[in-house]
PDB file of N, CA and C in Angstrom:
ATOM      1  N   MET A   1     -15.352-135.458 -60.787  1.00  0.00           N
ATOM      2  CA  MET A   1     -15.363-134.020 -60.926  1.00  0.00           C
ATOM      3  C   MET A   1     -14.336-133.421 -59.986  1.00  0.00           C
ATOM      4  N   ALA A   2     -13.511-132.562 -60.471  1.00  0.00           N
ATOM      5  CA  ALA A   2     -12.555-131.853 -59.628  1.00  0.00           C
ATOM      6  C   ALA A   2     -13.290-130.748 -58.889  1.00  0.00           C
ATOM      7  N   PHE A   3     -12.847-130.487 -57.680  1.00  0.00           N
ATOM      8  CA  PHE A   3     -13.446-129.409 -56.913  1.00  0.00           C
ATOM      9  C   PHE A   3     -12.637-128.141 -57.099  1.00  0.00           C
ATOM     10  N   PRO A   4     -13.300-126.993 -57.196  1.00  0.00           N
ATOM     11  CA  PRO A   4     -12.566-125.738 -57.229  1.00  0.00           C
ATOM     12  C   PRO A   4     -11.956-125.470 -55.859  1.00  0.00           C
ATOM     13  N   THR A   5     -11.186-124.407 -55.766  1.00  0.00           N
ATOM     14  CA  THR A   5     -10.535-124.062 -54.515  1.00  0.00           C
ATOM     15  C   THR A   5     -11.571-123.817 -53.435  1.00  0.00           C
ATOM     16  N   VAL A   6     -11.591-124.642 -52.449  1.00  0.00           N
ATOM     17  CA  VAL A   6     -12.450-124.511 -51.273  1.00  0.00           C
ATOM     18  C   VAL A   6     -12.018-125.610 -50.327  1.00  0.00           C
ATOM     19  N   ALA A   7     -12.438-125.544 -49.113  1.00  0.00           N
ATOM     20  CA  ALA A   7     -12.125-126.613 -48.179  1.00  0.00           C
ATOM     21  C   ALA A   7     -12.819-127.876 -48.672  1.00  0.00           C
ATOM     22  N   ARG A   8     -12.087-128.732 -49.307  1.00  0.00           N
ATOM     23  CA  ARG A   8     -12.704-129.899 -49.947  1.00  0.00           C
ATOM     24  C   ARG A   8     -13.393-130.817 -48.957  1.00  0.00           C
ATOM     25  N   ALA A   9     -12.827-131.001 -47.785  1.00  0.00           N
ATOM     26  CA  ALA A   9     -13.478-131.865 -46.797  1.00  0.00           C
ATOM     27  C   ALA A   9     -14.843-131.308 -46.418  1.00  0.00           C
ATOM     28  N   LEU A  10     -14.942-129.999 -46.253  1.00  0.00           N
ATOM     29  CA  LEU A  10     -16.234-129.391 -45.939  1.00  0.00           C
ATOM     30  C   LEU A  10     -17.205-129.571 -47.098  1.00  0.00           C
ATOM     31  N   GLN A  11     -16.725-129.430 -48.314  1.00  0.00           N
ATOM     32  CA  GLN A  11     -17.600-129.617 -49.470  1.00  0.00           C
ATOM     33  C   GLN A  11     -18.082-131.066 -49.546  1.00  0.00           C
ATOM     34  N   VAL A  12     -17.209-132.003 -49.264  1.00  0.00           N
ATOM     35  CA  VAL A  12     -17.608-133.413 -49.289  1.00  0.00           C
ATOM     36  C   VAL A  12     -18.612-133.702 -48.178  1.00  0.00           C
ATOM     37  N   VAL A  13     -18.335-133.257 -46.958  1.00  0.00           N
ATOM     38  CA  VAL A  13     -19.214-133.586 -45.836  1.00  0.00           C
ATOM     39  C   VAL A  13     -20.589-132.924 -45.975  1.00  0.00           C
ATOM     40  N   THR A  14     -20.657-131.741 -46.551  1.00  0.00           N
ATOM     41  CA  THR A  14     -21.971-131.118 -46.722  1.00  0.00           C
ATOM     42  C   THR A  14     -22.758-131.740 -47.867  1.00  0.00           C
ATOM     43  N   ASN A  15     -22.065-132.259 -48.857  1.00  0.00           N
ATOM     44  CA  ASN A  15     -22.745-132.904 -49.981  1.00  0.00           C
ATOM     45  C   ASN A  15     -23.046-134.371 -49.724  1.00  0.00           C
ATOM     46  N   SER A  16     -22.339-134.982 -48.781  1.00  0.00           N
ATOM     47  CA  SER A  16     -22.543-136.388 -48.433  1.00  0.00           C
ATOM     48  C   SER A  16     -22.202-136.553 -46.959  1.00  0.00           C
ATOM     49  N   SER A  17     -23.162-136.266 -46.106  1.00  0.00           N
ATOM     50  CA  SER A  17     -22.907-136.164 -44.667  1.00  0.00           C
ATOM     51  C   SER A  17     -22.439-137.462 -44.018  1.00  0.00           C
ATOM     52  N   THR A  18     -22.570-138.580 -44.693  1.00  0.00           N
ATOM     53  CA  THR A  18     -22.096-139.842 -44.114  1.00  0.00           C
ATOM     54  C   THR A  18     -20.672-140.173 -44.551  1.00  0.00           C
ATOM     55  N   SER A  19     -20.059-139.311 -45.349  1.00  0.00           N
ATOM     56  CA  SER A  19     -18.695-139.564 -45.836  1.00  0.00           C
ATOM     57  C   SER A  19     -17.666-139.527 -44.723  1.00  0.00           C
ATOM     58  N   TYR A  20     -17.773-138.527 -43.868  1.00  0.00           N
ATOM     59  CA  TYR A  20     -16.825-138.344 -42.766  1.00  0.00           C
ATOM     60  C   TYR A  20     -17.604-138.078 -41.488  1.00  0.00           C
ATOM     61  N   GLY A  21     -17.043-138.492 -40.376  1.00  0.00           N
ATOM     62  CA  GLY A  21     -17.622-138.127 -39.089  1.00  0.00           C
ATOM     63  C   GLY A  21     -17.011-136.849 -38.566  1.00  0.00           C
ATOM     64  N   ASN A  22     -15.833-136.524 -39.092  1.00  0.00           N
ATOM     65  CA  ASN A  22     -15.103-135.331 -38.676  1.00  0.00           C
ATOM     66  C   ASN A  22     -14.475-134.685 -39.901  1.00  0.00           C
ATOM     67  N   PHE A  23     -14.206-133.397 -39.805  1.00  0.00           N
ATOM     68  CA  PHE A  23     -13.503-132.718 -40.892  1.00  0.00           C
ATOM     69  C   PHE A  23     -12.644-131.594 -40.333  1.00  0.00           C
ATOM     70  N   LEU A  24     -11.619-131.244 -41.092  1.00  0.00           N
ATOM     71  CA  LEU A  24     -10.747-130.110 -40.790  1.00  0.00           C
ATOM     72  C   LEU A  24     -10.776-129.163 -41.974  1.00  0.00           C
ATOM     73  N   ASP A  25     -10.926-127.898 -41.706  1.00  0.00           N
ATOM     74  CA  ASP A  25     -10.932-126.876 -42.755  1.00  0.00           C
ATOM     75  C   ASP A  25      -9.813-125.891 -42.442  1.00  0.00           C
ATOM     76  N   TYR A  26      -8.707-126.025 -43.144  1.00  0.00           N
ATOM     77  CA  TYR A  26      -7.557-125.144 -42.956  1.00  0.00           C
ATOM     78  C   TYR A  26      -7.575-124.043 -44.003  1.00  0.00           C
ATOM     79  N   SER A  27      -7.696-122.824 -43.551  1.00  0.00           N
ATOM     80  CA  SER A  27      -7.616-121.650 -44.431  1.00  0.00           C
ATOM     81  C   SER A  27      -8.576-121.728 -45.609  1.00  0.00           C
ATOM     82  N   GLY A  28      -9.740-122.283 -45.367  1.00  0.00           N
ATOM     83  CA  GLY A  28     -10.730-122.422 -46.433  1.00  0.00           C
ATOM     84  C   GLY A  28     -11.376-121.102 -46.805  1.00  0.00           C
ATOM     85  N   GLU A  29     -12.170-121.149 -47.840  1.00  0.00           N
ATOM     86  CA  GLU A  29     -12.861-119.968 -48.337  1.00  0.00           C
ATOM     87  C   GLU A  29     -14.363-120.149 -48.197  1.00  0.00           C
ATOM     88  N   LEU A  30     -15.069-119.046 -48.185  1.00  0.00           N
ATOM     89  CA  LEU A  30     -16.505-119.051 -47.947  1.00  0.00           C
ATOM     90  C   LEU A  30     -17.278-119.854 -48.987  1.00  0.00           C
ATOM     91  N   ARG A  31     -16.873-119.727 -50.236  1.00  0.00           N
ATOM     92  CA  ARG A  31     -17.563-120.421 -51.330  1.00  0.00           C
ATOM     93  C   ARG A  31     -16.544-121.045 -52.269  1.00  0.00           C
ATOM     94  N   PRO A  32     -16.934-122.092 -52.981  1.00  0.00           N
ATOM     95  CA  PRO A  32     -16.046-122.640 -54.010  1.00  0.00           C
ATOM     96  C   PRO A  32     -15.705-121.552 -55.030  1.00  0.00           C
ATOM     97  N   ASN A  33     -14.463-121.528 -55.459  1.00  0.00           N
ATOM     98  CA  ASN A  33     -14.088-120.576 -56.503  1.00  0.00           C
ATOM     99  C   ASN A  33     -12.875-121.081 -57.258  1.00  0.00           C
ATOM    100  N   ASP A  34     -12.716-120.563 -58.455  1.00  0.00           N
ATOM    101  CA  ASP A  34     -11.594-120.965 -59.307  1.00  0.00           C
ATOM    102  C   ASP A  34     -10.488-119.916 -59.325  1.00  0.00           C
ATOM    103  N   SER A  35     -10.537-118.993 -58.387  1.00  0.00           N
ATOM    104  CA  SER A  35      -9.572-117.897 -58.247  1.00  0.00           C
ATOM    105  C   SER A  35      -9.755-116.802 -59.285  1.00  0.00           C
ATOM    106  N   TYR A  36     -10.782-116.888 -60.105  1.00  0.00           N
ATOM    107  CA  TYR A  36     -11.039-115.847 -61.101  1.00  0.00           C
ATOM    108  C   TYR A  36     -12.327-115.103 -60.776  1.00  0.00           C
ATOM    109  N   SER A  37     -13.453-115.782 -60.889  1.00  0.00           N
ATOM    110  CA  SER A  37     -14.740-115.135 -60.621  1.00  0.00           C
ATOM    111  C   SER A  37     -15.801-116.193 -60.344  1.00  0.00           C
ATOM    112  N   ARG A  38     -16.903-115.752 -59.766  1.00  0.00           N
ATOM    113  CA  ARG A  38     -18.021-116.669 -59.543  1.00  0.00           C
ATOM    114  C   ARG A  38     -18.533-117.194 -60.885  1.00  0.00           C
ATOM    115  N   GLN A  39     -18.604-116.305 -61.867  1.00  0.00           N
ATOM    116  CA  GLN A  39     -19.102-116.690 -63.192  1.00  0.00           C
ATOM    117  C   GLN A  39     -18.270-117.813 -63.798  1.00  0.00           C
ATOM    118  N   THR A  40     -16.953-117.704 -63.754  1.00  0.00           N
ATOM    119  CA  THR A  40     -16.121-118.762 -64.336  1.00  0.00           C
ATOM    120  C   THR A  40     -16.150-120.018 -63.478  1.00  0.00           C
ATOM    121  N   THR A  41     -16.295-119.857 -62.165  1.00  0.00           N
ATOM    122  CA  THR A  41     -16.424-121.030 -61.295  1.00  0.00           C
ATOM    123  C   THR A  41     -17.675-121.817 -61.662  1.00  0.00           C
ATOM    124  N   VAL A  42     -18.792-121.118 -61.779  1.00  0.00           N
ATOM    125  CA  VAL A  42     -20.060-121.768 -62.136  1.00  0.00           C
ATOM    126  C   VAL A  42     -19.957-122.408 -63.515  1.00  0.00           C
ATOM    127  N   LYS A  43     -19.358-121.709 -64.445  1.00  0.00           N
ATOM    128  CA  LYS A  43     -19.220-122.237 -65.807  1.00  0.00           C
ATOM    129  C   LYS A  43     -18.330-123.471 -65.843  1.00  0.00           C
ATOM    130  N   ASN A  44     -17.166-123.402 -65.210  1.00  0.00           N
ATOM    131  CA  ASN A  44     -16.165-124.465 -65.326  1.00  0.00           C
ATOM    132  C   ASN A  44     -16.392-125.666 -64.415  1.00  0.00           C
ATOM    133  N   PHE A  45     -17.062-125.473 -63.295  1.00  0.00           N
ATOM    134  CA  PHE A  45     -17.206-126.572 -62.339  1.00  0.00           C
ATOM    135  C   PHE A  45     -18.652-127.000 -62.086  1.00  0.00           C
ATOM    136  N   TYR A  46     -19.619-126.190 -62.506  1.00  0.00           N
ATOM    137  CA  TYR A  46     -21.017-126.483 -62.205  1.00  0.00           C
ATOM    138  C   TYR A  46     -21.888-126.409 -63.457  1.00  0.00           C
ATOM    139  N   GLU A  47     -21.310-126.834 -64.576  1.00  0.00           N
ATOM    140  CA  GLU A  47     -22.046-126.952 -65.836  1.00  0.00           C
ATOM    141  C   GLU A  47     -22.763-125.659 -66.218  1.00  0.00           C
ATOM    142  N   ASP A  48     -22.177-124.524 -65.836  1.00  0.00           N
ATOM    143  CA  ASP A  48     -22.737-123.203 -66.120  1.00  0.00           C
ATOM    144  C   ASP A  48     -24.129-123.049 -65.521  1.00  0.00           C
ATOM    145  N   SER A  49     -24.358-123.718 -64.383  1.00  0.00           N
ATOM    146  CA  SER A  49     -25.671-123.700 -63.739  1.00  0.00           C
ATOM    147  C   SER A  49     -25.560-123.113 -62.330  1.00  0.00           C
ATOM    148  N   GLU A  50     -26.137-121.939 -62.140  1.00  0.00           N
ATOM    149  CA  GLU A  50     -26.157-121.315 -60.814  1.00  0.00           C
ATOM    150  C   GLU A  50     -26.922-122.199 -59.829  1.00  0.00           C
ATOM    151  N   ALA A  51     -27.976-122.841 -60.293  1.00  0.00           N
ATOM    152  CA  ALA A  51     -28.756-123.729 -59.424  1.00  0.00           C
ATOM    153  C   ALA A  51     -27.900-124.894 -58.930  1.00  0.00           C
ATOM    154  N   LEU A  52     -27.086-125.471 -59.807  1.00  0.00           N
ATOM    155  CA  LEU A  52     -26.202-126.566 -59.413  1.00  0.00           C
ATOM    156  C   LEU A  52     -25.137-126.069 -58.440  1.00  0.00           C
ATOM    157  N   PHE A  53     -24.597-124.888 -58.689  1.00  0.00           N
ATOM    158  CA  PHE A  53     -23.634-124.293 -57.759  1.00  0.00           C
ATOM    159  C   PHE A  53     -24.253-124.182 -56.371  1.00  0.00           C
ATOM    160  N   GLN A  54     -25.445-123.618 -56.269  1.00  0.00           N
ATOM    161  CA  GLN A  54     -26.104-123.448 -54.978  1.00  0.00           C
ATOM    162  C   GLN A  54     -26.438-124.786 -54.331  1.00  0.00           C
ATOM    163  N   GLN A  55     -26.757-125.781 -55.143  1.00  0.00           N
ATOM    164  CA  GLN A  55     -27.073-127.113 -54.633  1.00  0.00           C
ATOM    165  C   GLN A  55     -25.855-127.764 -53.993  1.00  0.00           C
ATOM    166  N   ARG A  56     -24.649-127.442 -54.467  1.00  0.00           N
ATOM    167  CA  ARG A  56     -23.422-128.080 -53.980  1.00  0.00           C
ATOM    168  C   ARG A  56     -22.556-127.182 -53.101  1.00  0.00           C
ATOM    169  N   ASN A  57     -22.901-125.929 -52.971  1.00  0.00           N
ATOM    170  CA  ASN A  57     -22.126-124.979 -52.189  1.00  0.00           C
ATOM    171  C   ASN A  57     -22.342-125.226 -50.691  1.00  0.00           C
ATOM    172  N   PRO A  58     -21.282-125.507 -49.930  1.00  0.00           N
ATOM    173  CA  PRO A  58     -21.439-125.790 -48.504  1.00  0.00           C
ATOM    174  C   PRO A  58     -22.238-124.737 -47.738  1.00  0.00           C
ATOM    175  N   LEU A  59     -21.996-123.462 -47.990  1.00  0.00           N
ATOM    176  CA  LEU A  59     -22.715-122.412 -47.274  1.00  0.00           C
ATOM    177  C   LEU A  59     -24.211-122.479 -47.548  1.00  0.00           C
ATOM    178  N   ASP A  60     -24.594-122.689 -48.796  1.00  0.00           N
ATOM    179  CA  ASP A  60     -26.018-122.817 -49.137  1.00  0.00           C
ATOM    180  C   ASP A  60     -26.625-124.074 -48.521  1.00  0.00           C
ATOM    181  N   ILE A  61     -25.892-125.169 -48.547  1.00  0.00           N
ATOM    182  CA  ILE A  61     -26.386-126.430 -47.968  1.00  0.00           C
ATOM    183  C   ILE A  61     -26.620-126.268 -46.470  1.00  0.00           C
ATOM    184  N   LEU A  62     -25.664-125.671 -45.773  1.00  0.00           N
ATOM    185  CA  LEU A  62     -25.807-125.451 -44.330  1.00  0.00           C
ATOM    186  C   LEU A  62     -26.962-124.500 -44.041  1.00  0.00           C
ATOM    187  N   HIS A  63     -27.120-123.492 -44.861  1.00  0.00           N
ATOM    188  CA  HIS A  63     -28.222-122.538 -44.703  1.00  0.00           C
ATOM    189  C   HIS A  63     -29.574-123.248 -44.829  1.00  0.00           C
ATOM    190  N   HIS A  64     -29.718-124.085 -45.854  1.00  0.00           N
ATOM    191  CA  HIS A  64     -30.981-124.809 -46.051  1.00  0.00           C
ATOM    192  C   HIS A  64     -31.239-125.792 -44.916  1.00  0.00           C
ATOM    193  N   ALA A  65     -30.193-126.460 -44.445  1.00  0.00           N
ATOM    194  CA  ALA A  65     -30.358-127.408 -43.339  1.00  0.00           C
ATOM    195  C   ALA A  65     -30.848-126.689 -42.091  1.00  0.00           C
ATOM    196  N   THR A  66     -30.354-125.488 -41.870  1.00  0.00           N
ATOM    197  CA  THR A  66     -30.777-124.692 -40.716  1.00  0.00           C
ATOM    198  C   THR A  66     -32.221-124.242 -40.872  1.00  0.00           C
ATOM    199  N   ASN A  67     -32.538-123.682 -42.016  1.00  0.00           N
ATOM    200  CA  ASN A  67     -33.894-123.168 -42.241  1.00  0.00           C
ATOM    201  C   ASN A  67     -34.940-124.266 -42.273  1.00  0.00           C
ATOM    202  N   ASP A  68     -34.575-125.422 -42.824  1.00  0.00           N
ATOM    203  CA  ASP A  68     -35.515-126.534 -42.931  1.00  0.00           C
ATOM    204  C   ASP A  68     -35.521-127.414 -41.689  1.00  0.00           C
ATOM    205  N   LYS A  69     -34.658-127.074 -40.721  1.00  0.00           N
ATOM    206  CA  LYS A  69     -34.523-127.827 -39.468  1.00  0.00           C
ATOM    207  C   LYS A  69     -34.230-129.308 -39.725  1.00  0.00           C
ATOM    208  N   ILE A  70     -33.352-129.557 -40.705  1.00  0.00           N
ATOM    209  CA  ILE A  70     -32.928-130.910 -41.048  1.00  0.00           C
ATOM    210  C   ILE A  70     -31.761-131.289 -40.147  1.00  0.00           C
ATOM    211  N   SER A  71     -31.769-132.495 -39.598  1.00  0.00           N
ATOM    212  CA  SER A  71     -30.715-132.919 -38.668  1.00  0.00           C
ATOM    213  C   SER A  71     -29.596-133.690 -39.356  1.00  0.00           C
ATOM    214  N   THR A  72     -29.384-133.445 -40.625  1.00  0.00           N
ATOM    215  CA  THR A  72     -28.382-134.154 -41.421  1.00  0.00           C
ATOM    216  C   THR A  72     -26.997-134.101 -40.812  1.00  0.00           C
ATOM    217  N   PHE A  73     -26.641-133.002 -40.169  1.00  0.00           N
ATOM    218  CA  PHE A  73     -25.267-132.791 -39.732  1.00  0.00           C
ATOM    219  C   PHE A  73     -25.027-133.042 -38.249  1.00  0.00           C
ATOM    220  N   HIS A  74     -26.047-133.484 -37.522  1.00  0.00           N
ATOM    221  CA  HIS A  74     -25.856-133.825 -36.114  1.00  0.00           C
ATOM    222  C   HIS A  74     -24.925-135.029 -36.017  1.00  0.00           C
ATOM    223  N   GLY A  75     -23.969-134.973 -35.093  1.00  0.00           N
ATOM    224  CA  GLY A  75     -23.008-136.056 -34.930  1.00  0.00           C
ATOM    225  C   GLY A  75     -21.727-135.856 -35.712  1.00  0.00           C
ATOM    226  N   ILE A  76     -21.647-134.793 -36.502  1.00  0.00           N
ATOM    227  CA  ILE A  76     -20.435-134.483 -37.260  1.00  0.00           C
ATOM    228  C   ILE A  76     -19.661-133.407 -36.513  1.00  0.00           C
ATOM    229  N   SER A  77     -18.355-133.616 -36.380  1.00  0.00           N
ATOM    230  CA  SER A  77     -17.487-132.641 -35.723  1.00  0.00           C
ATOM    231  C   SER A  77     -16.542-132.031 -36.736  1.00  0.00           C
ATOM    232  N   GLY A  78     -16.212-130.770 -36.531  1.00  0.00           N
ATOM    233  CA  GLY A  78     -15.295-130.109 -37.444  1.00  0.00           C
ATOM    234  C   GLY A  78     -14.489-129.026 -36.771  1.00  0.00           C
ATOM    235  N   ARG A  79     -13.363-128.710 -37.367  1.00  0.00           N
ATOM    236  CA  ARG A  79     -12.485-127.648 -36.880  1.00  0.00           C
ATOM    237  C   ARG A  79     -12.145-126.733 -38.041  1.00  0.00           C
ATOM    238  N   PHE A  80     -12.292-125.447 -37.817  1.00  0.00           N
ATOM    239  CA  PHE A  80     -11.926-124.426 -38.792  1.00  0.00           C
ATOM    240  C   PHE A  80     -10.692-123.711 -38.268  1.00  0.00           C
ATOM    241  N   VAL A  81      -9.640-123.648 -39.075  1.00  0.00           N
ATOM    242  CA  VAL A  81      -8.366-123.082 -38.639  1.00  0.00           C
ATOM    243  C   VAL A  81      -7.839-122.111 -39.695  1.00  0.00           C
ATOM    244  N   ALA A  82      -7.433-120.924 -39.242  1.00  0.00           N
ATOM    245  CA  ALA A  82      -6.807-119.937 -40.134  1.00  0.00           C
ATOM    246  C   ALA A  82      -5.630-119.310 -39.405  1.00  0.00           C
ATOM    247  N   GLY A  83      -4.603-118.970 -40.155  1.00  0.00           N
ATOM    248  CA  GLY A  83      -3.427-118.330 -39.584  1.00  0.00           C
ATOM    249  C   GLY A  83      -3.696-116.888 -39.173  1.00  0.00           C
ATOM    250  N   LYS A  84      -2.832-116.356 -38.317  1.00  0.00           N
ATOM    251  CA  LYS A  84      -3.000-114.994 -37.804  1.00  0.00           C
ATOM    252  C   LYS A  84      -3.027-113.938 -38.896  1.00  0.00           C
ATOM    253  N   SER A  85      -2.287-114.144 -39.955  1.00  0.00           N
ATOM    254  CA  SER A  85      -2.218-113.135 -41.019  1.00  0.00           C
ATOM    255  C   SER A  85      -3.233-113.375 -42.140  1.00  0.00           C
ATOM    256  N   GLU A  86      -4.029-114.414 -42.033  1.00  0.00           N
ATOM    257  CA  GLU A  86      -5.007-114.756 -43.078  1.00  0.00           C
ATOM    258  C   GLU A  86      -6.367-114.123 -42.768  1.00  0.00           C
ATOM    259  N   LYS A  87      -6.441-112.819 -42.929  1.00  0.00           N
ATOM    260  CA  LYS A  87      -7.648-112.072 -42.545  1.00  0.00           C
ATOM    261  C   LYS A  87      -8.888-112.532 -43.310  1.00  0.00           C
ATOM    262  N   SER A  88      -8.756-112.755 -44.597  1.00  0.00           N
ATOM    263  CA  SER A  88      -9.898-113.198 -45.390  1.00  0.00           C
ATOM    264  C   SER A  88     -10.371-114.578 -44.937  1.00  0.00           C
ATOM    265  N   ALA A  89      -9.426-115.490 -44.725  1.00  0.00           N
ATOM    266  CA  ALA A  89      -9.777-116.839 -44.261  1.00  0.00           C
ATOM    267  C   ALA A  89     -10.398-116.784 -42.872  1.00  0.00           C
ATOM    268  N   GLN A  90      -9.899-115.913 -42.006  1.00  0.00           N
ATOM    269  CA  GLN A  90     -10.470-115.783 -40.665  1.00  0.00           C
ATOM    270  C   GLN A  90     -11.940-115.391 -40.740  1.00  0.00           C
ATOM    271  N   GLN A  91     -12.233-114.419 -41.570  1.00  0.00           N
ATOM    272  CA  GLN A  91     -13.613-113.966 -41.718  1.00  0.00           C
ATOM    273  C   GLN A  91     -14.489-115.066 -42.327  1.00  0.00           C
ATOM    274  N   ASP A  92     -13.997-115.695 -43.390  1.00  0.00           N
ATOM    275  CA  ASP A  92     -14.761-116.757 -44.053  1.00  0.00           C
ATOM    276  C   ASP A  92     -15.012-117.934 -43.120  1.00  0.00           C
ATOM    277  N   LEU A  93     -13.971-118.360 -42.404  1.00  0.00           N
ATOM    278  CA  LEU A  93     -14.114-119.531 -41.536  1.00  0.00           C
ATOM    279  C   LEU A  93     -14.977-119.238 -40.320  1.00  0.00           C
ATOM    280  N   SER A  94     -14.936-118.030 -39.823  1.00  0.00           N
ATOM    281  CA  SER A  94     -15.829-117.659 -38.730  1.00  0.00           C
ATOM    282  C   SER A  94     -17.283-117.772 -39.181  1.00  0.00           C
ATOM    283  N   THR A  95     -17.569-117.286 -40.381  1.00  0.00           N
ATOM    284  CA  THR A  95     -18.920-117.392 -40.943  1.00  0.00           C
ATOM    285  C   THR A  95     -19.321-118.850 -41.132  1.00  0.00           C
ATOM    286  N   LEU A  96     -18.435-119.650 -41.721  1.00  0.00           N
ATOM    287  CA  LEU A  96     -18.737-121.072 -41.939  1.00  0.00           C
ATOM    288  C   LEU A  96     -18.920-121.807 -40.618  1.00  0.00           C
ATOM    289  N   ASN A  97     -18.089-121.506 -39.630  1.00  0.00           N
ATOM    290  CA  ASN A  97     -18.214-122.141 -38.323  1.00  0.00           C
ATOM    291  C   ASN A  97     -19.581-121.840 -37.711  1.00  0.00           C
ATOM    292  N   ASN A  98     -19.979-120.584 -37.736  1.00  0.00           N
ATOM    293  CA  ASN A  98     -21.278-120.215 -37.171  1.00  0.00           C
ATOM    294  C   ASN A  98     -22.421-120.905 -37.904  1.00  0.00           C
ATOM    295  N   LYS A  99     -22.343-120.954 -39.228  1.00  0.00           N
ATOM    296  CA  LYS A  99     -23.405-121.592 -40.009  1.00  0.00           C
ATOM    297  C   LYS A  99     -23.420-123.103 -39.757  1.00  0.00           C
ATOM    298  N   ALA A 100     -22.244-123.724 -39.673  1.00  0.00           N
ATOM    299  CA  ALA A 100     -22.164-125.165 -39.419  1.00  0.00           C
ATOM    300  C   ALA A 100     -22.721-125.503 -38.036  1.00  0.00           C
ATOM    301  N   ARG A 101     -22.394-124.694 -37.038  1.00  0.00           N
ATOM    302  CA  ARG A 101     -22.925-124.929 -35.688  1.00  0.00           C
ATOM    303  C   ARG A 101     -24.446-124.807 -35.677  1.00  0.00           C
ATOM    304  N   THR A 102     -24.957-123.804 -36.362  1.00  0.00           N
ATOM    305  CA  THR A 102     -26.403-123.605 -36.433  1.00  0.00           C
ATOM    306  C   THR A 102     -27.087-124.782 -37.130  1.00  0.00           C
ATOM    307  N   ALA A 103     -26.375-125.406 -38.070  1.00  0.00           N
ATOM    308  CA  ALA A 103     -26.933-126.556 -38.800  1.00  0.00           C
ATOM    309  C   ALA A 103     -26.789-127.861 -38.023  1.00  0.00           C
ATOM    310  N   GLY A 104     -26.134-127.818 -36.849  1.00  0.00           N
ATOM    311  CA  GLY A 104     -26.084-129.008 -36.006  1.00  0.00           C
ATOM    312  C   GLY A 104     -24.744-129.677 -35.851  1.00  0.00           C
ATOM    313  N   THR A 105     -23.697-129.172 -36.499  1.00  0.00           N
ATOM    314  CA  THR A 105     -22.383-129.786 -36.320  1.00  0.00           C
ATOM    315  C   THR A 105     -21.756-129.294 -35.027  1.00  0.00           C
ATOM    316  N   ASP A 106     -20.840-130.069 -34.510  1.00  0.00           N
ATOM    317  CA  ASP A 106     -20.054-129.692 -33.333  1.00  0.00           C
ATOM    318  C   ASP A 106     -18.734-129.145 -33.858  1.00  0.00           C
ATOM    319  N   THR A 107     -18.652-127.827 -34.019  1.00  0.00           N
ATOM    320  CA  THR A 107     -17.460-127.232 -34.614  1.00  0.00           C
ATOM    321  C   THR A 107     -16.836-126.191 -33.703  1.00  0.00           C
ATOM    322  N   THR A 108     -15.562-125.934 -33.959  1.00  0.00           N
ATOM    323  CA  THR A 108     -14.862-124.831 -33.310  1.00  0.00           C
ATOM    324  C   THR A 108     -14.074-124.090 -34.367  1.00  0.00           C
ATOM    325  N   TYR A 109     -13.819-122.835 -34.049  1.00  0.00           N
ATOM    326  CA  TYR A 109     -12.988-122.009 -34.911  1.00  0.00           C
ATOM    327  C   TYR A 109     -11.895-121.423 -34.049  1.00  0.00           C
TER     328      TYR A 109
END
């Protein structure tokens, strides 16, 4: 399955936490998207299933790990990086960094 536009390493590590011990997220986005809309992203990449989208979306996975107090992500390190002029990426990566830290990863932004 091809991944829509998103930090692919983050999507892989949240969906399979033993895949990588470390990850880098350069100018990533808050949620997977196909550059058109959430509706087309869900349709084209998640079998038109909102439930499947939420099951594989890094932000939702990190949120559930935090709420359920699951230690899946302890021992994983990550770095979120955005350029000075990438305001949207800065906001998205700050949110992802905070959520990843809360879920147990050792991350910096």
